[in-house]
Each structure stands twice: as structure tokens, then as C-alpha cells.
């Protein structure tokens, strides 16, 4: 919540909970017993798993990366995507997602 804000934080937690449900009771027990279920990095990874980001092809990752990082200089400042606007409330999540997508895009190279 402190890194991404309450709204995005709730979305991440909701996606992580859905991922744990998909993974089953053994995964839930492991996360509870090790306290990893409280780790922001683990929550982000579980949310990415739930969204299907780990199964993305490099081409799909590039398409998503282009959506996040496209240059909108011809439009007014308030239309800049979150990735380009450091004051945007979703800037940090956009930058972190772009980093993950970049790694997926170039994982085979």
C-alpha cells in the first residue's frame, strides 16, 4: 500500500489471493507458515501470476510494454501514461510492470 497506494494495493492483494486459491491449500499453508504471504515482492509475483504475465510470449510482452511506454508528446500533459508521469498515482506500478515486461521480452536473448 505504501509503494503503490491504497487502490492499486487492494488490486494487487485481490489478485494475489486469487492466485493462492488457484495454487491450492498447500501453497496457502506454505505462505502462512513462512510469513511470505506478507511480503510485498511475493504479493506482486502472485498478482503477476494471476494476471498471466509469467506465460506471456516475448511478442505479447513487447505489445504490453509498448502500451505502457508509448510517447504521447503530441497530447496534453494530463494525458501522459502513468509510466511517463512521475506524479501520476500509478507511476510506480507502471514502472515496475514495465521492468518485469522488459525482462519477459528479452528473457531468451
C-alpha atoms as a PDB file:
ATOM      1  CA  UNK A   1       0.000   0.000   0.000  1.00  0.00           C
ATOM      2  CA  UNK A   2       2.819   2.406   0.800  1.00  0.00           C
ATOM      3  CA  UNK A   3       4.524   1.888  -2.574  1.00  0.00           C
ATOM      4  CA  UNK A   4       1.522   1.808  -4.900  1.00  0.00           C
ATOM      5  CA  UNK A   5      -1.276   3.480  -2.951  1.00  0.00           C
ATOM      6  CA  UNK A   6      -4.456   2.041  -1.482  1.00  0.00           C
ATOM      7  CA  UNK A   7      -6.389   1.465  -4.705  1.00  0.00           C
ATOM      8  CA  UNK A   8      -3.607  -0.323  -6.562  1.00  0.00           C
ATOM      9  CA  UNK A   9      -2.566  -2.104  -3.363  1.00  0.00           C
ATOM     10  CA  UNK A  10      -6.047  -3.562  -2.958  1.00  0.00           C
ATOM     11  CA  UNK A  11      -5.975  -4.734  -6.587  1.00  0.00           C
ATOM     12  CA  UNK A  12      -2.614  -6.446  -6.065  1.00  0.00           C
ATOM     13  CA  UNK A  13      -3.803  -8.144  -2.873  1.00  0.00           C
ATOM     14  CA  UNK A  14      -7.023  -9.300  -4.570  1.00  0.00           C
ATOM     15  CA  UNK A  15      -5.071 -10.775  -7.485  1.00  0.00           C
ATOM     16  CA  UNK A  16      -2.613 -12.427  -5.099  1.00  0.00           C
ATOM     17  CA  UNK A  17      -5.487 -14.014  -3.150  1.00  0.00           C
ATOM     18  CA  UNK A  18      -6.965 -15.390  -6.381  1.00  0.00           C
ATOM     19  CA  UNK A  19      -3.553 -16.818  -7.292  1.00  0.00           C
ATOM     20  CA  UNK A  20      -3.227 -18.551  -3.916  1.00  0.00           C
ATOM     21  CA  UNK A  21      -6.704 -20.026  -4.379  1.00  0.00           C
ATOM     22  CA  UNK A  22      -5.612 -21.353  -7.788  1.00  0.00           C
ATOM     23  CA  UNK A  23      -2.407 -22.786  -6.327  1.00  0.00           C
ATOM     24  CA  UNK A  24      -4.285 -24.641  -3.618  1.00  0.00           C
ATOM     25  CA  UNK A  25      -4.207 -25.221   0.125  1.00  0.00           C
ATOM     26  CA  UNK A  26      -0.572 -26.386   0.249  1.00  0.00           C
ATOM     27  CA  UNK A  27       0.594 -23.090  -1.239  1.00  0.00           C
ATOM     28  CA  UNK A  28      -1.593 -21.156   1.186  1.00  0.00           C
ATOM     29  CA  UNK A  29      -0.234 -23.138   4.134  1.00  0.00           C
ATOM     30  CA  UNK A  30       3.347 -22.562   2.983  1.00  0.00           C
ATOM     31  CA  UNK A  31       2.817 -18.813   2.616  1.00  0.00           C
ATOM     32  CA  UNK A  32       1.199 -18.649   6.057  1.00  0.00           C
ATOM     33  CA  UNK A  33       3.822 -20.772   7.805  1.00  0.00           C
ATOM     34  CA  UNK A  34       6.757 -18.824   6.365  1.00  0.00           C
ATOM     35  CA  UNK A  35       5.101 -15.370   6.514  1.00  0.00           C
ATOM     36  CA  UNK A  36       5.966 -14.957   2.827  1.00  0.00           C
ATOM     37  CA  UNK A  37       2.315 -14.142   2.244  1.00  0.00           C
ATOM     38  CA  UNK A  38       3.043 -10.758   3.830  1.00  0.00           C
ATOM     39  CA  UNK A  39       5.992  -9.968   1.560  1.00  0.00           C
ATOM     40  CA  UNK A  40       5.278  -7.211  -0.988  1.00  0.00           C
ATOM     41  CA  UNK A  41       7.530  -8.928  -3.534  1.00  0.00           C
ATOM     42  CA  UNK A  42       5.669 -12.224  -3.140  1.00  0.00           C
ATOM     43  CA  UNK A  43       2.316 -10.452  -3.397  1.00  0.00           C
ATOM     44  CA  UNK A  44       3.473  -8.772  -6.624  1.00  0.00           C
ATOM     45  CA  UNK A  45       4.680 -12.093  -8.024  1.00  0.00           C
ATOM     46  CA  UNK A  46       1.407 -13.812  -7.138  1.00  0.00           C
ATOM     47  CA  UNK A  47      -0.580 -10.964  -8.721  1.00  0.00           C
ATOM     48  CA  UNK A  48       1.531 -11.205 -11.900  1.00  0.00           C
ATOM     49  CA  UNK A  49       0.950 -14.967 -11.940  1.00  0.00           C
ATOM     50  CA  UNK A  50      -2.792 -14.409 -11.625  1.00  0.00           C
ATOM     51  CA  UNK A  51      -2.754 -11.911 -14.499  1.00  0.00           C
ATOM     52  CA  UNK A  52      -0.924 -14.452 -16.689  1.00  0.00           C
ATOM     53  CA  UNK A  53       2.239 -12.427 -17.055  1.00  0.00           C
ATOM     54  CA  UNK A  54       4.535 -15.405 -16.475  1.00  0.00           C
ATOM     55  CA  UNK A  55       3.076 -17.200 -19.503  1.00  0.00           C
ATOM     56  CA  UNK A  56       3.455 -14.259 -21.871  1.00  0.00           C
ATOM     57  CA  UNK A  57       5.369 -14.728 -25.076  1.00  0.00           C
ATOM     58  CA  UNK A  58       8.126 -12.205 -25.781  1.00  0.00           C
ATOM     59  CA  UNK A  59       5.934 -10.710 -28.515  1.00  0.00           C
ATOM     60  CA  UNK A  60       2.969 -10.237 -26.177  1.00  0.00           C
ATOM     61  CA  UNK A  61       5.276  -8.733 -23.553  1.00  0.00           C
ATOM     62  CA  UNK A  62       6.510  -6.248 -26.184  1.00  0.00           C
ATOM     63  CA  UNK A  63       2.951  -5.227 -27.058  1.00  0.00           C
ATOM     64  CA  UNK A  64       2.168  -4.621 -23.368  1.00  0.00           C
ATOM     65  CA  UNK A  65       5.466  -2.796 -22.911  1.00  0.00           C
ATOM     66  CA  UNK A  66       4.653  -0.539 -25.869  1.00  0.00           C
ATOM     67  CA  UNK A  67       1.292   0.315 -24.313  1.00  0.00           C
ATOM     68  CA  UNK A  68       2.978   1.340 -21.058  1.00  0.00           C
ATOM     69  CA  UNK A  69       5.870   3.299 -22.513  1.00  0.00           C
ATOM     70  CA  UNK A  70       4.429   4.914 -25.636  1.00  0.00           C
ATOM     71  CA  UNK A  71       5.363   8.512 -26.220  1.00  0.00           C
ATOM     72  CA  UNK A  72       2.414  10.886 -26.174  1.00  0.00           C
ATOM     73  CA  UNK A  73       4.252  14.202 -26.601  1.00  0.00           C
ATOM     74  CA  UNK A  74       1.659  15.473 -29.033  1.00  0.00           C
ATOM     75  CA  UNK A  75      -1.092  15.282 -26.416  1.00  0.00           C
ATOM     76  CA  UNK A  76      -1.571  17.498 -23.346  1.00  0.00           C
ATOM     77  CA  UNK A  77       0.496  16.630 -20.273  1.00  0.00           C
ATOM     78  CA  UNK A  78      -2.500  15.300 -18.354  1.00  0.00           C
ATOM     79  CA  UNK A  79      -2.931  12.531 -20.949  1.00  0.00           C
ATOM     80  CA  UNK A  80       0.556  11.104 -20.422  1.00  0.00           C
ATOM     81  CA  UNK A  81       0.502   7.479 -19.357  1.00  0.00           C
ATOM     82  CA  UNK A  82       1.405   6.652 -15.778  1.00  0.00           C
ATOM     83  CA  UNK A  83       4.818   5.352 -16.888  1.00  0.00           C
ATOM     84  CA  UNK A  84       5.864   8.771 -18.197  1.00  0.00           C
ATOM     85  CA  UNK A  85       4.345  10.926 -15.438  1.00  0.00           C
ATOM     86  CA  UNK A  86       6.204  10.666 -12.125  1.00  0.00           C
ATOM     87  CA  UNK A  87       3.338  12.485 -10.400  1.00  0.00           C
ATOM     88  CA  UNK A  88       0.725  10.005 -11.594  1.00  0.00           C
ATOM     89  CA  UNK A  89      -0.644   7.865  -8.718  1.00  0.00           C
ATOM     90  CA  UNK A  90       0.050   4.669 -10.704  1.00  0.00           C
ATOM     91  CA  UNK A  91       3.556   5.663 -11.844  1.00  0.00           C
ATOM     92  CA  UNK A  92       5.438   3.241  -9.593  1.00  0.00           C
ATOM     93  CA  UNK A  93       3.319   0.252 -10.545  1.00  0.00           C
ATOM     94  CA  UNK A  94       3.683   1.159 -14.235  1.00  0.00           C
ATOM     95  CA  UNK A  95       7.485   1.395 -13.951  1.00  0.00           C
ATOM     96  CA  UNK A  96       7.714  -1.883 -12.030  1.00  0.00           C
ATOM     97  CA  UNK A  97       5.419  -3.602 -14.529  1.00  0.00           C
ATOM     98  CA  UNK A  98       7.456  -2.237 -17.441  1.00  0.00           C
ATOM     99  CA  UNK A  99      10.613  -3.625 -15.847  1.00  0.00           C
ATOM    100  CA  UNK A 100       9.025  -7.068 -15.497  1.00  0.00           C
ATOM    101  CA  UNK A 101       7.713  -6.954 -19.072  1.00  0.00           C
ATOM    102  CA  UNK A 102      11.144  -5.945 -20.361  1.00  0.00           C
ATOM    103  CA  UNK A 103      12.632  -8.982 -18.642  1.00  0.00           C
ATOM    104  CA  UNK A 104       9.953 -11.216 -20.184  1.00  0.00           C
ATOM    105  CA  UNK A 105      10.523  -9.669 -23.607  1.00  0.00           C
ATOM    106  CA  UNK A 106      14.263 -10.290 -23.601  1.00  0.00           C
ATOM    107  CA  UNK A 107      14.470 -13.455 -21.484  1.00  0.00           C
ATOM    108  CA  UNK A 108      15.627 -15.612 -24.415  1.00  0.00           C
ATOM    109  CA  UNK A 109      18.307 -13.216 -25.653  1.00  0.00           C
END
